[in-house]
Amino acid sequence: MRSQQSCEYDVRAESSQRSRAERGERRKTEAGSGALRCRRKFLRFFPDGFSDEDYIETERDYKWQCHLLWRESLNEGEFGALLRAGRHDEIAARALRIEQRSRYSMLFSFEKMALRDAVRSSHGAQTFAAALFAYLHGKGELEPRFEAWVDAVASLPRKQTRVLTWPVVTVFGFIAQPDRHMFVKPNTLRAAARAYGFDFEYQSRPNSRTYRSVLELAALVSRDQRDLGPRDMIDVQSFLWVQGSAEYD
């Protein structure tokens, strides 16, 4: 015969499992309703979705143009050749110039200044160039490559303002490889994740765990909104920007 204590334990365990299941269902419901609300908001501004002319002009085109510039001047072959020739300063100059030519700046002015100062020395330029190439084109899993890139950016020379921010560590991957990398503006993305009903694992210091959570959110949005035809992370990032940015309130 089972003891009363054992029965009570089974009841508590069953109740705990039921509570976890209910919380899981509630999160799914919240995520589903959040996805629908976000979709409606996006279509309110851009009725034709990712093919909307206003969307392409105001959100997509300038980011895509940056990508085309990167493909022209810092594609993998050109980047590797410059790296082997020791032209680290040229790599850094091209990378910064491409971001600066964006119609709407993706970095804050203090981030631009900090980055320019950081790669001004030969050591800073070499650290930046080698680490960026390894992050974009290195072998192995993404998470250790991302961590190595973060560590390299953190080690860059610093004059006044900090170089290590989420926008700085994500902008070049986003421009170079929009098929796989996301751009992170933390406050806007956190607001978008809340609106979407997504449990975003955010930490203010750039790290691979948070970036993995960013990519999971991007994959979820791409899957949920697949009938709108998102082409790449530019479309996903733009969709989330509409949800979290004050300019779309």
C-alpha atoms as a PDB file:
ATOM      1  CA  MET A   1       0.000   0.000   0.000  1.00  0.00           C
ATOM      2  CA  ARG A   2       1.335   3.439  -0.899  1.00  0.00           C
ATOM      3  CA  SER A   3       1.893   5.846   1.959  1.00  0.00           C
ATOM      4  CA  GLN A   4      -0.123   9.036   2.371  1.00  0.00           C
ATOM      5  CA  GLN A   5       3.125  11.006   1.975  1.00  0.00           C
ATOM      6  CA  SER A   6       3.799   9.338  -1.397  1.00  0.00           C
ATOM      7  CA  CYS A   7       0.295  10.119  -2.615  1.00  0.00           C
ATOM      8  CA  GLU A   8       0.635  13.735  -1.525  1.00  0.00           C
ATOM      9  CA  TYR A   9       3.952  13.953  -3.398  1.00  0.00           C
ATOM     10  CA  ASP A  10       2.314  12.569  -6.561  1.00  0.00           C
ATOM     11  CA  VAL A  11      -0.482  15.128  -6.281  1.00  0.00           C
ATOM     12  CA  ARG A  12       1.994  17.970  -5.879  1.00  0.00           C
ATOM     13  CA  ALA A  13       4.093  16.712  -8.815  1.00  0.00           C
ATOM     14  CA  GLU A  14       1.019  16.391 -11.003  1.00  0.00           C
ATOM     15  CA  SER A  15      -0.116  19.878  -9.991  1.00  0.00           C
ATOM     16  CA  SER A  16       3.336  21.292 -10.759  1.00  0.00           C
ATOM     17  CA  GLN A  17       3.395  19.627 -14.178  1.00  0.00           C
ATOM     18  CA  ARG A  18      -0.097  20.952 -14.904  1.00  0.00           C
ATOM     19  CA  SER A  19       0.962  24.467 -13.875  1.00  0.00           C
ATOM     20  CA  ARG A  20       4.017  24.310 -16.144  1.00  0.00           C
ATOM     21  CA  ALA A  21       1.879  23.077 -19.024  1.00  0.00           C
ATOM     22  CA  GLU A  22      -0.654  25.863 -18.429  1.00  0.00           C
ATOM     23  CA  ARG A  23       2.115  28.464 -18.342  1.00  0.00           C
ATOM     24  CA  GLY A  24       3.509  27.032 -21.570  1.00  0.00           C
ATOM     25  CA  GLU A  25       0.113  27.219 -23.256  1.00  0.00           C
ATOM     26  CA  ARG A  26      -0.373  30.745 -21.958  1.00  0.00           C
ATOM     27  CA  ARG A  27       2.990  31.804 -23.406  1.00  0.00           C
ATOM     28  CA  LYS A  28       2.053  30.224 -26.744  1.00  0.00           C
ATOM     29  CA  THR A  29      -1.253  32.093 -26.724  1.00  0.00           C
ATOM     30  CA  GLU A  30       0.462  35.369 -25.836  1.00  0.00           C
ATOM     31  CA  ALA A  31       3.074  34.807 -28.548  1.00  0.00           C
ATOM     32  CA  GLY A  32       0.377  33.979 -31.093  1.00  0.00           C
ATOM     33  CA  SER A  33      -1.721  37.027 -30.285  1.00  0.00           C
ATOM     34  CA  GLY A  34       1.435  39.168 -30.159  1.00  0.00           C
ATOM     35  CA  ALA A  35       2.485  37.957 -33.603  1.00  0.00           C
ATOM     36  CA  LEU A  36      -0.950  38.826 -34.965  1.00  0.00           C
ATOM     37  CA  ARG A  37      -0.934  42.301 -33.387  1.00  0.00           C
ATOM     38  CA  CYS A  38       2.561  42.957 -34.755  1.00  0.00           C
ATOM     39  CA  ARG A  39       1.509  41.790 -38.192  1.00  0.00           C
ATOM     40  CA  ARG A  40      -1.484  44.118 -38.167  1.00  0.00           C
ATOM     41  CA  LYS A  41       0.687  47.031 -37.116  1.00  0.00           C
ATOM     42  CA  PHE A  42       3.214  46.348 -39.868  1.00  0.00           C
ATOM     43  CA  LEU A  43       0.485  46.105 -42.507  1.00  0.00           C
ATOM     44  CA  ARG A  44      -1.105  49.298 -41.229  1.00  0.00           C
ATOM     45  CA  PHE A  45       2.044  51.165 -42.272  1.00  0.00           C
ATOM     46  CA  PHE A  46       2.896  48.959 -45.251  1.00  0.00           C
ATOM     47  CA  PRO A  47      -0.292  47.390 -46.695  1.00  0.00           C
ATOM     48  CA  ASP A  48       1.602  45.418 -49.343  1.00  0.00           C
ATOM     49  CA  GLY A  49       3.940  43.895 -46.779  1.00  0.00           C
ATOM     50  CA  PHE A  50       7.577  43.457 -47.732  1.00  0.00           C
ATOM     51  CA  SER A  51       6.759  44.331 -51.342  1.00  0.00           C
ATOM     52  CA  ASP A  52       5.236  47.674 -50.390  1.00  0.00           C
ATOM     53  CA  GLU A  53       6.891  50.542 -52.281  1.00  0.00           C
ATOM     54  CA  ASP A  54       6.999  52.764 -49.202  1.00  0.00           C
ATOM     55  CA  TYR A  55       8.525  49.937 -47.190  1.00  0.00           C
ATOM     56  CA  ILE A  56      11.234  49.337 -49.777  1.00  0.00           C
ATOM     57  CA  GLU A  57      12.044  53.043 -49.951  1.00  0.00           C
ATOM     58  CA  THR A  58      12.039  53.830 -46.230  1.00  0.00           C
ATOM     59  CA  GLU A  59      13.232  50.601 -44.618  1.00  0.00           C
ATOM     60  CA  ARG A  60      14.770  48.083 -46.998  1.00  0.00           C
ATOM     61  CA  ASP A  61      16.557  49.797 -49.838  1.00  0.00           C
ATOM     62  CA  TYR A  62      19.245  51.715 -47.950  1.00  0.00           C
ATOM     63  CA  LYS A  63      20.204  48.588 -45.992  1.00  0.00           C
ATOM     64  CA  TRP A  64      20.357  46.534 -49.170  1.00  0.00           C
ATOM     65  CA  GLN A  65      22.494  49.189 -50.843  1.00  0.00           C
ATOM     66  CA  CYS A  66      24.974  48.913 -47.968  1.00  0.00           C
ATOM     67  CA  HIS A  67      25.089  45.170 -48.524  1.00  0.00           C
ATOM     68  CA  LEU A  68      25.776  45.647 -52.244  1.00  0.00           C
ATOM     69  CA  LEU A  69      28.631  48.029 -51.414  1.00  0.00           C
ATOM     70  CA  TRP A  70      30.061  45.424 -49.047  1.00  0.00           C
ATOM     71  CA  ARG A  71      29.823  42.712 -51.704  1.00  0.00           C
ATOM     72  CA  GLU A  72      31.669  44.987 -54.108  1.00  0.00           C
ATOM     73  CA  SER A  73      34.493  46.149 -51.864  1.00  0.00           C
ATOM     74  CA  LEU A  74      34.793  43.657 -48.978  1.00  0.00           C
ATOM     75  CA  ASN A  75      33.518  40.336 -50.302  1.00  0.00           C
ATOM     76  CA  GLU A  76      35.276  37.273 -48.896  1.00  0.00           C
ATOM     77  CA  GLY A  77      37.882  37.119 -51.665  1.00  0.00           C
ATOM     78  CA  GLU A  78      38.757  40.822 -51.515  1.00  0.00           C
ATOM     79  CA  PHE A  79      38.691  40.847 -47.710  1.00  0.00           C
ATOM     80  CA  GLY A  80      41.022  37.833 -47.571  1.00  0.00           C
ATOM     81  CA  ALA A  81      43.440  39.318 -50.102  1.00  0.00           C
ATOM     82  CA  LEU A  82      43.669  42.582 -48.171  1.00  0.00           C
ATOM     83  CA  LEU A  83      44.181  40.660 -44.940  1.00  0.00           C
ATOM     84  CA  ARG A  84      47.004  38.566 -46.402  1.00  0.00           C
ATOM     85  CA  ALA A  85      48.633  41.745 -47.725  1.00  0.00           C
ATOM     86  CA  GLY A  86      48.549  43.236 -44.237  1.00  0.00           C
ATOM     87  CA  ARG A  87      46.292  46.103 -45.301  1.00  0.00           C
ATOM     88  CA  HIS A  88      44.353  46.185 -42.090  1.00  0.00           C
ATOM     89  CA  ASP A  89      43.861  49.940 -42.158  1.00  0.00           C
ATOM     90  CA  GLU A  90      42.258  49.676 -45.612  1.00  0.00           C
ATOM     91  CA  ILE A  91      39.872  46.972 -44.412  1.00  0.00           C
ATOM     92  CA  ALA A  92      38.834  49.077 -41.418  1.00  0.00           C
ATOM     93  CA  ALA A  93      38.449  52.184 -43.588  1.00  0.00           C
ATOM     94  CA  ARG A  94      36.248  50.375 -46.109  1.00  0.00           C
ATOM     95  CA  ALA A  95      34.061  48.799 -43.436  1.00  0.00           C
ATOM     96  CA  LEU A  96      33.461  52.126 -41.696  1.00  0.00           C
ATOM     97  CA  ARG A  97      32.934  53.947 -44.975  1.00  0.00           C
ATOM     98  CA  ILE A  98      30.226  51.511 -46.080  1.00  0.00           C
ATOM     99  CA  GLU A  99      28.245  52.017 -42.859  1.00  0.00           C
ATOM    100  CA  GLN A 100      28.698  55.776 -43.077  1.00  0.00           C
ATOM    101  CA  ARG A 101      27.294  55.846 -46.612  1.00  0.00           C
ATOM    102  CA  SER A 102      23.982  54.493 -45.372  1.00  0.00           C
ATOM    103  CA  ARG A 103      21.163  56.981 -45.990  1.00  0.00           C
ATOM    104  CA  TYR A 104      20.023  56.508 -42.404  1.00  0.00           C
ATOM    105  CA  SER A 105      22.842  55.894 -39.978  1.00  0.00           C
ATOM    106  CA  MET A 106      22.719  52.576 -38.168  1.00  0.00           C
ATOM    107  CA  LEU A 107      25.239  53.650 -35.521  1.00  0.00           C
ATOM    108  CA  PHE A 108      24.982  56.531 -33.092  1.00  0.00           C
ATOM    109  CA  SER A 109      27.500  59.329 -33.570  1.00  0.00           C
ATOM    110  CA  PHE A 110      29.360  58.387 -30.364  1.00  0.00           C
ATOM    111  CA  GLU A 111      29.705  54.818 -31.651  1.00  0.00           C
ATOM    112  CA  LYS A 112      31.079  56.048 -34.979  1.00  0.00           C
ATOM    113  CA  MET A 113      33.638  58.245 -33.220  1.00  0.00           C
ATOM    114  CA  ALA A 114      34.657  55.477 -30.816  1.00  0.00           C
ATOM    115  CA  LEU A 115      35.112  53.037 -33.676  1.00  0.00           C
ATOM    116  CA  ARG A 116      37.141  55.503 -35.765  1.00  0.00           C
ATOM    117  CA  ASP A 117      39.408  56.148 -32.793  1.00  0.00           C
ATOM    118  CA  ALA A 118      39.724  52.433 -32.072  1.00  0.00           C
ATOM    119  CA  VAL A 119      41.007  51.499 -35.550  1.00  0.00           C
ATOM    120  CA  ARG A 120      43.220  54.543 -36.039  1.00  0.00           C
ATOM    121  CA  SER A 121      46.293  52.747 -34.708  1.00  0.00           C
ATOM    122  CA  SER A 122      47.842  49.871 -36.648  1.00  0.00           C
ATOM    123  CA  HIS A 123      47.215  47.537 -33.722  1.00  0.00           C
ATOM    124  CA  GLY A 124      43.553  48.500 -33.524  1.00  0.00           C
ATOM    125  CA  ALA A 125      43.048  48.129 -37.272  1.00  0.00           C
ATOM    126  CA  GLN A 126      44.756  44.715 -37.282  1.00  0.00           C
ATOM    127  CA  THR A 127      42.671  43.453 -34.352  1.00  0.00           C
ATOM    128  CA  PHE A 128      39.470  44.700 -35.975  1.00  0.00           C
ATOM    129  CA  ALA A 129      40.217  43.314 -39.446  1.00  0.00           C
ATOM    130  CA  ALA A 130      41.413  39.860 -38.368  1.00  0.00           C
ATOM    131  CA  ALA A 131      38.582  39.341 -35.895  1.00  0.00           C
ATOM    132  CA  LEU A 132      35.895  40.535 -38.303  1.00  0.00           C
ATOM    133  CA  PHE A 133      37.107  38.179 -41.036  1.00  0.00           C
ATOM    134  CA  ALA A 134      37.143  35.240 -38.604  1.00  0.00           C
ATOM    135  CA  TYR A 135      33.636  36.118 -37.443  1.00  0.00           C
ATOM    136  CA  LEU A 136      32.214  36.382 -40.957  1.00  0.00           C
ATOM    137  CA  HIS A 137      34.158  33.669 -42.754  1.00  0.00           C
ATOM    138  CA  GLY A 138      35.740  31.453 -40.110  1.00  0.00           C
ATOM    139  CA  LYS A 139      34.978  27.787 -39.637  1.00  0.00           C
ATOM    140  CA  GLY A 140      33.123  26.218 -36.745  1.00  0.00           C
ATOM    141  CA  GLU A 141      30.027  27.115 -34.783  1.00  0.00           C
ATOM    142  CA  LEU A 142      28.719  30.679 -34.738  1.00  0.00           C
ATOM    143  CA  GLU A 143      28.619  31.147 -30.960  1.00  0.00           C
ATOM    144  CA  PRO A 144      32.386  30.866 -30.297  1.00  0.00           C
ATOM    145  CA  ARG A 145      33.078  33.008 -33.365  1.00  0.00           C
ATOM    146  CA  PHE A 146      30.685  35.650 -32.057  1.00  0.00           C
ATOM    147  CA  GLU A 147      32.305  35.548 -28.608  1.00  0.00           C
ATOM    148  CA  ALA A 148      35.766  35.939 -30.165  1.00  0.00           C
ATOM    149  CA  TRP A 149      34.525  38.921 -32.188  1.00  0.00           C
ATOM    150  CA  VAL A 150      33.025  40.507 -29.058  1.00  0.00           C
ATOM    151  CA  ASP A 151      36.286  39.993 -27.161  1.00  0.00           C
ATOM    152  CA  ALA A 152      38.239  41.593 -30.011  1.00  0.00           C
ATOM    153  CA  VAL A 153      35.957  44.641 -30.091  1.00  0.00           C
ATOM    154  CA  ALA A 154      36.203  44.912 -26.303  1.00  0.00           C
ATOM    155  CA  SER A 155      40.009  44.939 -26.580  1.00  0.00           C
ATOM    156  CA  LEU A 156      40.161  47.775 -29.120  1.00  0.00           C
ATOM    157  CA  PRO A 157      41.859  51.001 -27.976  1.00  0.00           C
ATOM    158  CA  ARG A 158      39.443  53.386 -26.305  1.00  0.00           C
ATOM    159  CA  LYS A 159      39.761  57.134 -25.920  1.00  0.00           C
ATOM    160  CA  GLN A 160      36.551  58.473 -24.423  1.00  0.00           C
ATOM    161  CA  THR A 161      33.414  56.511 -25.268  1.00  0.00           C
ATOM    162  CA  ARG A 162      33.046  52.753 -25.299  1.00  0.00           C
ATOM    163  CA  VAL A 163      33.355  50.737 -28.493  1.00  0.00           C
ATOM    164  CA  LEU A 164      31.641  47.600 -27.202  1.00  0.00           C
ATOM    165  CA  THR A 165      27.943  48.108 -27.918  1.00  0.00           C
ATOM    166  CA  TRP A 166      25.330  45.871 -29.491  1.00  0.00           C
ATOM    167  CA  PRO A 167      25.031  48.037 -32.623  1.00  0.00           C
ATOM    168  CA  VAL A 168      28.817  48.033 -33.200  1.00  0.00           C
ATOM    169  CA  VAL A 169      29.222  44.260 -32.834  1.00  0.00           C
ATOM    170  CA  THR A 170      26.203  43.433 -35.035  1.00  0.00           C
ATOM    171  CA  VAL A 171      26.173  46.069 -37.783  1.00  0.00           C
ATOM    172  CA  PHE A 172      28.947  44.603 -39.955  1.00  0.00           C
ATOM    173  CA  GLY A 173      27.579  41.069 -39.905  1.00  0.00           C
ATOM    174  CA  PHE A 174      24.161  42.446 -40.842  1.00  0.00           C
ATOM    175  CA  ILE A 175      25.561  44.470 -43.744  1.00  0.00           C
ATOM    176  CA  ALA A 176      27.885  41.722 -44.985  1.00  0.00           C
ATOM    177  CA  GLN A 177      25.609  38.697 -44.555  1.00  0.00           C
ATOM    178  CA  PRO A 178      21.948  39.706 -44.243  1.00  0.00           C
ATOM    179  CA  ASP A 179      20.932  36.138 -45.001  1.00  0.00           C
ATOM    180  CA  ARG A 180      22.197  35.050 -41.572  1.00  0.00           C
ATOM    181  CA  HIS A 181      22.935  37.992 -39.257  1.00  0.00           C
ATOM    182  CA  MET A 182      20.722  40.450 -37.389  1.00  0.00           C
ATOM    183  CA  PHE A 183      21.360  44.048 -36.409  1.00  0.00           C
ATOM    184  CA  VAL A 184      20.630  44.824 -32.760  1.00  0.00           C
ATOM    185  CA  LYS A 185      19.431  48.154 -31.398  1.00  0.00           C
ATOM    186  CA  PRO A 186      18.774  46.951 -27.861  1.00  0.00           C
ATOM    187  CA  ASN A 187      15.944  49.193 -26.661  1.00  0.00           C
ATOM    188  CA  THR A 188      13.986  48.891 -29.888  1.00  0.00           C
ATOM    189  CA  LEU A 189      14.490  45.141 -30.134  1.00  0.00           C
ATOM    190  CA  ARG A 190      13.504  44.589 -26.516  1.00  0.00           C
ATOM    191  CA  ALA A 191      10.299  46.556 -27.071  1.00  0.00           C
ATOM    192  CA  ALA A 192       9.609  44.563 -30.237  1.00  0.00           C
ATOM    193  CA  ALA A 193      10.182  41.248 -28.459  1.00  0.00           C
ATOM    194  CA  ARG A 194       7.721  42.252 -25.709  1.00  0.00           C
ATOM    195  CA  ALA A 195       5.143  43.248 -28.301  1.00  0.00           C
ATOM    196  CA  TYR A 196       5.634  39.924 -30.073  1.00  0.00           C
ATOM    197  CA  GLY A 197       5.290  37.932 -26.841  1.00  0.00           C
ATOM    198  CA  PHE A 198       8.816  36.542 -27.116  1.00  0.00           C
ATOM    199  CA  ASP A 199      10.899  35.755 -24.031  1.00  0.00           C
ATOM    200  CA  PHE A 200      14.057  37.623 -25.009  1.00  0.00           C
ATOM    201  CA  GLU A 201      17.188  36.652 -23.024  1.00  0.00           C
ATOM    202  CA  TYR A 202      18.806  40.076 -23.001  1.00  0.00           C
ATOM    203  CA  GLN A 203      22.051  41.172 -21.363  1.00  0.00           C
ATOM    204  CA  SER A 204      23.464  44.639 -21.918  1.00  0.00           C
ATOM    205  CA  ARG A 205      26.998  43.398 -22.612  1.00  0.00           C
ATOM    206  CA  PRO A 206      27.153  41.719 -26.020  1.00  0.00           C
ATOM    207  CA  ASN A 207      27.329  37.948 -25.666  1.00  0.00           C
ATOM    208  CA  SER A 208      26.535  34.838 -27.701  1.00  0.00           C
ATOM    209  CA  ARG A 209      23.606  33.714 -25.543  1.00  0.00           C
ATOM    210  CA  THR A 210      21.697  36.920 -26.138  1.00  0.00           C
ATOM    211  CA  TYR A 211      22.633  36.883 -29.815  1.00  0.00           C
ATOM    212  CA  ARG A 212      21.323  33.322 -30.066  1.00  0.00           C
ATOM    213  CA  SER A 213      18.049  34.614 -28.595  1.00  0.00           C
ATOM    214  CA  VAL A 214      18.035  37.386 -31.227  1.00  0.00           C
ATOM    215  CA  LEU A 215      18.393  34.800 -33.997  1.00  0.00           C
ATOM    216  CA  GLU A 216      15.658  32.658 -32.450  1.00  0.00           C
ATOM    217  CA  LEU A 217      13.313  35.654 -32.478  1.00  0.00           C
ATOM    218  CA  ALA A 218      14.266  36.373 -36.089  1.00  0.00           C
ATOM    219  CA  ALA A 219      13.567  32.768 -37.083  1.00  0.00           C
ATOM    220  CA  LEU A 220      10.195  32.871 -35.312  1.00  0.00           C
ATOM    221  CA  VAL A 221       9.171  36.079 -37.071  1.00  0.00           C
ATOM    222  CA  SER A 222      10.317  34.738 -40.429  1.00  0.00           C
ATOM    223  CA  ARG A 223       8.279  31.572 -39.887  1.00  0.00           C
ATOM    224  CA  ASP A 224       5.173  33.329 -38.542  1.00  0.00           C
ATOM    225  CA  GLN A 225       5.149  35.940 -41.303  1.00  0.00           C
ATOM    226  CA  ARG A 226       6.283  33.671 -44.141  1.00  0.00           C
ATOM    227  CA  ASP A 227       3.214  34.433 -46.253  1.00  0.00           C
ATOM    228  CA  LEU A 228       4.387  38.072 -46.395  1.00  0.00           C
ATOM    229  CA  GLY A 229       7.552  36.802 -48.083  1.00  0.00           C
ATOM    230  CA  PRO A 230      10.484  37.964 -45.916  1.00  0.00           C
ATOM    231  CA  ARG A 231      13.612  37.692 -48.068  1.00  0.00           C
ATOM    232  CA  ASP A 232      16.297  37.927 -45.416  1.00  0.00           C
ATOM    233  CA  MET A 233      17.212  39.453 -42.069  1.00  0.00           C
ATOM    234  CA  ILE A 234      16.778  42.939 -43.512  1.00  0.00           C
ATOM    235  CA  ASP A 235      13.053  42.280 -43.780  1.00  0.00           C
ATOM    236  CA  VAL A 236      12.906  40.631 -40.355  1.00  0.00           C
ATOM    237  CA  GLN A 237      14.873  43.440 -38.698  1.00  0.00           C
ATOM    238  CA  SER A 238      12.680  46.029 -40.395  1.00  0.00           C
ATOM    239  CA  PHE A 239       9.508  44.237 -39.271  1.00  0.00           C
ATOM    240  CA  LEU A 240      10.751  44.269 -35.678  1.00  0.00           C
ATOM    241  CA  TRP A 241      11.872  47.890 -36.003  1.00  0.00           C
ATOM    242  CA  VAL A 242       8.289  48.851 -36.835  1.00  0.00           C
ATOM    243  CA  GLN A 243       7.141  47.145 -33.626  1.00  0.00           C
ATOM    244  CA  GLY A 244       9.664  48.715 -31.265  1.00  0.00           C
ATOM    245  CA  SER A 245      10.637  52.106 -32.690  1.00  0.00           C
ATOM    246  CA  ALA A 246       8.980  55.303 -31.482  1.00  0.00           C
ATOM    247  CA  GLU A 247       8.806  56.553 -35.077  1.00  0.00           C
ATOM    248  CA  TYR A 248       6.056  53.986 -35.730  1.00  0.00           C
ATOM    249  CA  ASP A 249       3.934  54.717 -32.651  1.00  0.00           C
END
